[in-house]
Amino acid sequence: MEKYLQLISLSDIAGIFLIFALFWLVKVLTKKENENIFKAIILLLFFLAIFLYLSQSDSNKFTISDLKNNFFPGKTIEIKYRIEQGVINRNEYIKYVFKKPYPILSVKMDKSGSYFNIVNPESVNKVLRFLDLPELKEGVSELSFVTGSVYDTSHYRWDKYSRGILILEKTLCRSGDSLTMDHCILGITIQQRY
């Protein structure tokens, strides 16, 4: 259920209510219910204003799952991981490698059906909060979409991260005892910028 709540944004819900209000107005006009015309127009304008506001602002990325988590925060997550540090091409890095059960990653398939994008970074931010790291402000496309290389499949990169370049590596994992597969975070690497 949580997976589906992450896909439905508040602007989608406002759009559905706008369609219902439009149908009600058409019904009132066709049946000539004069006492309800004013109510139907006000309701239609109300949902139209909400829909336009949510579509124009940053709130269009705000999902039902985010709303639920803000009002009813879940239990704190416990993540097992190990830290690796080193140098690659004169750049220092720190890598957080997660152990099973891996943290769940919320991704959305793009229109082509070939790539999974992180539209809302909240699932990554939960892990970053657990690691006491700064949060991400926006989602990104899968790195293989950007570079065109199959070697970058299941990788995501934030070049404007406050502590350097953040690279997330994704894997598929089984959720609990069920047979369903989820996208999970295998590791997070932060490379220093020089």
C-alpha atoms as a PDB file:
ATOM      1  CA  MET A   1       0.000   0.000   0.000  1.00  0.00           C
ATOM      2  CA  GLU A   2       2.858   2.358   0.867  1.00  0.00           C
ATOM      3  CA  LYS A   3       4.284   1.856  -2.625  1.00  0.00           C
ATOM      4  CA  TYR A   4       1.061   3.116  -4.220  1.00  0.00           C
ATOM      5  CA  LEU A   5       0.758   6.076  -1.861  1.00  0.00           C
ATOM      6  CA  GLN A   6       4.180   7.270  -3.027  1.00  0.00           C
ATOM      7  CA  LEU A   7       2.928   7.424  -6.613  1.00  0.00           C
ATOM      8  CA  ILE A   8      -0.164   9.588  -6.008  1.00  0.00           C
ATOM      9  CA  SER A   9       0.574  13.284  -5.647  1.00  0.00           C
ATOM     10  CA  LEU A  10      -1.722  15.862  -4.081  1.00  0.00           C
ATOM     11  CA  SER A  11      -2.210  17.555  -7.464  1.00  0.00           C
ATOM     12  CA  ASP A  12      -3.485  14.215  -8.839  1.00  0.00           C
ATOM     13  CA  ILE A  13      -6.083  14.059  -6.060  1.00  0.00           C
ATOM     14  CA  ALA A  14      -7.106  17.670  -6.647  1.00  0.00           C
ATOM     15  CA  GLY A  15      -7.496  16.868 -10.358  1.00  0.00           C
ATOM     16  CA  ILE A  16      -9.792  13.938  -9.571  1.00  0.00           C
ATOM     17  CA  PHE A  17     -11.960  16.117  -7.318  1.00  0.00           C
ATOM     18  CA  LEU A  18     -12.005  18.778 -10.050  1.00  0.00           C
ATOM     19  CA  ILE A  19     -13.367  16.219 -12.530  1.00  0.00           C
ATOM     20  CA  PHE A  20     -16.060  15.149 -10.038  1.00  0.00           C
ATOM     21  CA  ALA A  21     -17.055  18.785  -9.487  1.00  0.00           C
ATOM     22  CA  LEU A  22     -17.252  19.287 -13.270  1.00  0.00           C
ATOM     23  CA  PHE A  23     -19.488  16.226 -13.648  1.00  0.00           C
ATOM     24  CA  TRP A  24     -21.712  17.488 -10.843  1.00  0.00           C
ATOM     25  CA  LEU A  25     -22.019  20.906 -12.535  1.00  0.00           C
ATOM     26  CA  VAL A  26     -22.959  19.242 -15.851  1.00  0.00           C
ATOM     27  CA  LYS A  27     -25.555  17.097 -14.024  1.00  0.00           C
ATOM     28  CA  VAL A  28     -27.020  20.165 -12.273  1.00  0.00           C
ATOM     29  CA  LEU A  29     -27.236  22.069 -15.573  1.00  0.00           C
ATOM     30  CA  THR A  30     -28.801  19.189 -17.525  1.00  0.00           C
ATOM     31  CA  LYS A  31     -31.400  18.429 -14.838  1.00  0.00           C
ATOM     32  CA  LYS A  32     -32.030  22.160 -14.345  1.00  0.00           C
ATOM     33  CA  GLU A  33     -31.551  22.035 -10.586  1.00  0.00           C
ATOM     34  CA  ASN A  34     -31.377  25.812 -10.175  1.00  0.00           C
ATOM     35  CA  GLU A  35     -30.914  25.680  -6.399  1.00  0.00           C
ATOM     36  CA  ASN A  36     -27.604  23.772  -6.805  1.00  0.00           C
ATOM     37  CA  ILE A  37     -26.014  25.716  -9.688  1.00  0.00           C
ATOM     38  CA  PHE A  38     -24.295  28.249  -7.435  1.00  0.00           C
ATOM     39  CA  LYS A  39     -22.961  25.494  -5.133  1.00  0.00           C
ATOM     40  CA  ALA A  40     -21.633  23.489  -8.092  1.00  0.00           C
ATOM     41  CA  ILE A  41     -19.861  26.523  -9.596  1.00  0.00           C
ATOM     42  CA  ILE A  42     -18.278  27.473  -6.248  1.00  0.00           C
ATOM     43  CA  LEU A  43     -17.103  23.887  -5.696  1.00  0.00           C
ATOM     44  CA  LEU A  44     -15.701  23.701  -9.234  1.00  0.00           C
ATOM     45  CA  LEU A  45     -13.822  27.000  -8.804  1.00  0.00           C
ATOM     46  CA  PHE A  46     -12.515  25.871  -5.410  1.00  0.00           C
ATOM     47  CA  PHE A  47     -11.045  22.628  -6.762  1.00  0.00           C
ATOM     48  CA  LEU A  48      -9.752  24.423  -9.871  1.00  0.00           C
ATOM     49  CA  ALA A  49      -7.874  26.914  -7.673  1.00  0.00           C
ATOM     50  CA  ILE A  50      -6.402  24.110  -5.545  1.00  0.00           C
ATOM     51  CA  PHE A  51      -5.402  22.133  -8.644  1.00  0.00           C
ATOM     52  CA  LEU A  52      -3.724  25.149 -10.269  1.00  0.00           C
ATOM     53  CA  TYR A  53      -1.901  26.042  -7.048  1.00  0.00           C
ATOM     54  CA  LEU A  54      -0.578  22.510  -6.543  1.00  0.00           C
ATOM     55  CA  SER A  55       0.421  22.203 -10.201  1.00  0.00           C
ATOM     56  CA  GLN A  56       2.364  25.483 -10.190  1.00  0.00           C
ATOM     57  CA  SER A  57       4.179  25.110  -6.866  1.00  0.00           C
ATOM     58  CA  ASP A  58       6.703  22.624  -5.529  1.00  0.00           C
ATOM     59  CA  SER A  59       3.784  20.890  -3.836  1.00  0.00           C
ATOM     60  CA  ASN A  60       3.103  18.870  -6.989  1.00  0.00           C
ATOM     61  CA  LYS A  61       5.862  16.482  -5.839  1.00  0.00           C
ATOM     62  CA  PHE A  62       4.222  16.138  -2.421  1.00  0.00           C
ATOM     63  CA  THR A  63       2.574  12.707  -2.204  1.00  0.00           C
ATOM     64  CA  ILE A  64       0.015  11.130   0.092  1.00  0.00           C
ATOM     65  CA  SER A  65       2.815   9.115   1.647  1.00  0.00           C
ATOM     66  CA  ASP A  66       4.689  12.337   2.522  1.00  0.00           C
ATOM     67  CA  LEU A  67       1.519  13.783   4.033  1.00  0.00           C
ATOM     68  CA  LYS A  68       0.971  10.611   6.079  1.00  0.00           C
ATOM     69  CA  ASN A  69       4.589  10.616   7.278  1.00  0.00           C
ATOM     70  CA  ASN A  70       4.369  14.283   8.340  1.00  0.00           C
ATOM     71  CA  PHE A  71       1.213  13.799  10.420  1.00  0.00           C
ATOM     72  CA  PHE A  72       1.821  10.218  11.570  1.00  0.00           C
ATOM     73  CA  PRO A  73       5.570   9.619  11.614  1.00  0.00           C
ATOM     74  CA  GLY A  74       6.444   5.946  11.560  1.00  0.00           C
ATOM     75  CA  LYS A  75       8.809   4.159  13.842  1.00  0.00           C
ATOM     76  CA  THR A  76      12.451   5.047  13.537  1.00  0.00           C
ATOM     77  CA  ILE A  77      14.286   2.925  11.056  1.00  0.00           C
ATOM     78  CA  GLU A  78      17.221   0.752  12.000  1.00  0.00           C
ATOM     79  CA  ILE A  79      19.763   0.336   9.244  1.00  0.00           C
ATOM     80  CA  LYS A  80      22.835  -1.867   9.378  1.00  0.00           C
ATOM     81  CA  TYR A  81      25.817  -0.623   7.399  1.00  0.00           C
ATOM     82  CA  ARG A  82      29.569  -0.433   7.225  1.00  0.00           C
ATOM     83  CA  ILE A  83      31.731   2.507   6.186  1.00  0.00           C
ATOM     84  CA  GLU A  84      34.505   2.379   3.597  1.00  0.00           C
ATOM     85  CA  GLN A  85      36.876   5.297   3.027  1.00  0.00           C
ATOM     86  CA  GLY A  86      39.476   5.795   0.353  1.00  0.00           C
ATOM     87  CA  VAL A  87      40.785   7.832  -2.564  1.00  0.00           C
ATOM     88  CA  ILE A  88      39.769   7.586  -6.236  1.00  0.00           C
ATOM     89  CA  ASN A  89      41.534   9.789  -8.804  1.00  0.00           C
ATOM     90  CA  ARG A  90      42.873  12.060  -6.018  1.00  0.00           C
ATOM     91  CA  ASN A  91      39.363  12.528  -4.624  1.00  0.00           C
ATOM     92  CA  GLU A  92      38.579  11.270  -1.157  1.00  0.00           C
ATOM     93  CA  TYR A  93      35.354   9.342  -0.720  1.00  0.00           C
ATOM     94  CA  ILE A  94      33.277   7.802   2.010  1.00  0.00           C
ATOM     95  CA  LYS A  95      30.959   4.939   1.163  1.00  0.00           C
ATOM     96  CA  TYR A  96      28.097   3.616   3.265  1.00  0.00           C
ATOM     97  CA  VAL A  97      27.456  -0.026   2.316  1.00  0.00           C
ATOM     98  CA  PHE A  98      24.152  -1.330   3.654  1.00  0.00           C
ATOM     99  CA  LYS A  99      23.460  -4.825   4.928  1.00  0.00           C
ATOM    100  CA  LYS A 100      20.237  -6.811   4.713  1.00  0.00           C
ATOM    101  CA  PRO A 101      17.497  -5.800   5.143  1.00  0.00           C
ATOM    102  CA  TYR A 102      18.321  -2.979   2.734  1.00  0.00           C
ATOM    103  CA  PRO A 103      16.533   0.387   2.964  1.00  0.00           C
ATOM    104  CA  ILE A 104      13.627   0.619   0.498  1.00  0.00           C
ATOM    105  CA  LEU A 105      14.016   3.088  -2.397  1.00  0.00           C
ATOM    106  CA  SER A 106      11.028   4.793  -3.999  1.00  0.00           C
ATOM    107  CA  VAL A 107      11.473   4.995  -7.787  1.00  0.00           C
ATOM    108  CA  LYS A 108       9.152   5.681 -10.689  1.00  0.00           C
ATOM    109  CA  MET A 109       9.502   4.290 -14.197  1.00  0.00           C
ATOM    110  CA  ASP A 110       9.942   6.934 -16.896  1.00  0.00           C
ATOM    111  CA  LYS A 111       7.665   7.256 -19.929  1.00  0.00           C
ATOM    112  CA  SER A 112       9.925   5.129 -22.132  1.00  0.00           C
ATOM    113  CA  GLY A 113       9.713   2.230 -19.674  1.00  0.00           C
ATOM    114  CA  SER A 114      13.498   1.791 -19.691  1.00  0.00           C
ATOM    115  CA  TYR A 115      14.683   3.745 -16.658  1.00  0.00           C
ATOM    116  CA  PHE A 116      13.675   4.162 -13.025  1.00  0.00           C
ATOM    117  CA  ASN A 117      13.885   7.748 -11.763  1.00  0.00           C
ATOM    118  CA  ILE A 118      13.851   9.099  -8.234  1.00  0.00           C
ATOM    119  CA  VAL A 119      11.092  11.713  -8.439  1.00  0.00           C
ATOM    120  CA  ASN A 120      10.690  12.324  -4.721  1.00  0.00           C
ATOM    121  CA  PRO A 121      13.900  11.919  -2.671  1.00  0.00           C
ATOM    122  CA  GLU A 122      12.094  11.261   0.643  1.00  0.00           C
ATOM    123  CA  SER A 123      13.055   7.570   0.750  1.00  0.00           C
ATOM    124  CA  VAL A 124      16.715   8.582   0.319  1.00  0.00           C
ATOM    125  CA  ASN A 125      16.340  11.406   2.854  1.00  0.00           C
ATOM    126  CA  LYS A 126      15.150   8.920   5.507  1.00  0.00           C
ATOM    127  CA  VAL A 127      18.434   7.079   5.128  1.00  0.00           C
ATOM    128  CA  LEU A 128      20.464  10.315   5.071  1.00  0.00           C
ATOM    129  CA  ARG A 129      18.755  11.467   8.279  1.00  0.00           C
ATOM    130  CA  PHE A 130      19.650   8.138   9.894  1.00  0.00           C
ATOM    131  CA  LEU A 131      23.295   8.675   8.841  1.00  0.00           C
ATOM    132  CA  ASP A 132      23.231  12.320  10.102  1.00  0.00           C
ATOM    133  CA  LEU A 133      23.902  13.658   6.600  1.00  0.00           C
ATOM    134  CA  PRO A 134      22.298  16.640   4.824  1.00  0.00           C
ATOM    135  CA  GLU A 135      19.128  15.865   2.893  1.00  0.00           C
ATOM    136  CA  LEU A 136      18.548  16.043  -0.862  1.00  0.00           C
ATOM    137  CA  LYS A 137      16.333  18.734  -2.303  1.00  0.00           C
ATOM    138  CA  GLU A 138      15.286  17.038  -5.535  1.00  0.00           C
ATOM    139  CA  GLY A 139      15.164  13.714  -7.310  1.00  0.00           C
ATOM    140  CA  VAL A 140      17.249  12.672 -10.306  1.00  0.00           C
ATOM    141  CA  SER A 141      17.084  10.429 -13.337  1.00  0.00           C
ATOM    142  CA  GLU A 142      18.874   7.116 -13.460  1.00  0.00           C
ATOM    143  CA  LEU A 143      22.505   7.745 -14.407  1.00  0.00           C
ATOM    144  CA  SER A 144      22.349   5.404 -17.415  1.00  0.00           C
ATOM    145  CA  PHE A 145      19.669   7.699 -18.897  1.00  0.00           C
ATOM    146  CA  VAL A 146      22.020  10.672 -18.529  1.00  0.00           C
ATOM    147  CA  THR A 147      25.235   9.008 -19.738  1.00  0.00           C
ATOM    148  CA  GLY A 148      23.758   6.478 -22.165  1.00  0.00           C
ATOM    149  CA  SER A 149      25.978   3.768 -20.674  1.00  0.00           C
ATOM    150  CA  VAL A 150      24.596   0.435 -19.454  1.00  0.00           C
ATOM    151  CA  TYR A 151      27.342   0.427 -16.806  1.00  0.00           C
ATOM    152  CA  ASP A 152      25.500   3.256 -15.030  1.00  0.00           C
ATOM    153  CA  THR A 153      22.264   1.273 -14.657  1.00  0.00           C
ATOM    154  CA  SER A 154      20.999   1.277 -11.056  1.00  0.00           C
ATOM    155  CA  HIS A 155      23.107   4.328 -10.177  1.00  0.00           C
ATOM    156  CA  TYR A 156      21.923   7.840  -9.315  1.00  0.00           C
ATOM    157  CA  ARG A 157      24.122  10.926  -9.005  1.00  0.00           C
ATOM    158  CA  TRP A 158      23.629  14.305  -7.318  1.00  0.00           C
ATOM    159  CA  ASP A 159      26.427  16.675  -8.394  1.00  0.00           C
ATOM    160  CA  LYS A 160      25.151  19.588  -6.287  1.00  0.00           C
ATOM    161  CA  TYR A 161      25.061  17.746  -2.962  1.00  0.00           C
ATOM    162  CA  SER A 162      26.303  19.943  -0.121  1.00  0.00           C
ATOM    163  CA  ARG A 163      29.126  17.593   0.921  1.00  0.00           C
ATOM    164  CA  GLY A 164      30.386  16.728  -2.562  1.00  0.00           C
ATOM    165  CA  ILE A 165      29.034  14.357  -5.186  1.00  0.00           C
ATOM    166  CA  LEU A 166      26.522  11.829  -3.874  1.00  0.00           C
ATOM    167  CA  ILE A 167      26.204   8.549  -5.785  1.00  0.00           C
ATOM    168  CA  LEU A 168      23.505   6.065  -4.849  1.00  0.00           C
ATOM    169  CA  GLU A 169      23.639   2.429  -5.918  1.00  0.00           C
ATOM    170  CA  LYS A 170      20.355   0.548  -6.194  1.00  0.00           C
ATOM    171  CA  THR A 171      19.540  -3.167  -6.130  1.00  0.00           C
ATOM    172  CA  LEU A 172      16.457  -5.372  -6.078  1.00  0.00           C
ATOM    173  CA  CYS A 173      15.538  -6.978  -2.777  1.00  0.00           C
ATOM    174  CA  ARG A 174      12.805  -9.144  -1.364  1.00  0.00           C
ATOM    175  CA  SER A 175      10.517  -7.410   1.101  1.00  0.00           C
ATOM    176  CA  GLY A 176      10.191  -9.493   4.258  1.00  0.00           C
ATOM    177  CA  ASP A 177       8.697 -12.947   3.879  1.00  0.00           C
ATOM    178  CA  SER A 178       6.655 -12.028   0.810  1.00  0.00           C
ATOM    179  CA  LEU A 179       7.491 -12.861  -2.771  1.00  0.00           C
ATOM    180  CA  THR A 180       7.399  -9.241  -3.948  1.00  0.00           C
ATOM    181  CA  MET A 181      10.566  -7.475  -5.007  1.00  0.00           C
ATOM    182  CA  ASP A 182      11.373  -3.863  -4.129  1.00  0.00           C
ATOM    183  CA  HIS A 183      14.019  -1.410  -5.219  1.00  0.00           C
ATOM    184  CA  CYS A 184      16.483  -0.950  -2.377  1.00  0.00           C
ATOM    185  CA  ILE A 185      19.550   1.138  -1.560  1.00  0.00           C
ATOM    186  CA  LEU A 186      22.714  -0.942  -1.703  1.00  0.00           C
ATOM    187  CA  GLY A 187      25.186   1.864  -1.019  1.00  0.00           C
ATOM    188  CA  ILE A 188      25.718   5.617  -0.870  1.00  0.00           C
ATOM    189  CA  THR A 189      29.062   7.136  -1.849  1.00  0.00           C
ATOM    190  CA  ILE A 190      30.025  10.759  -1.194  1.00  0.00           C
ATOM    191  CA  GLN A 191      33.032  11.989  -3.172  1.00  0.00           C
ATOM    192  CA  GLN A 192      34.773  15.177  -2.090  1.00  0.00           C
ATOM    193  CA  ARG A 193      35.018  17.990  -4.645  1.00  0.00           C
ATOM    194  CA  TYR A 194      38.338  19.764  -5.178  1.00  0.00           C
END
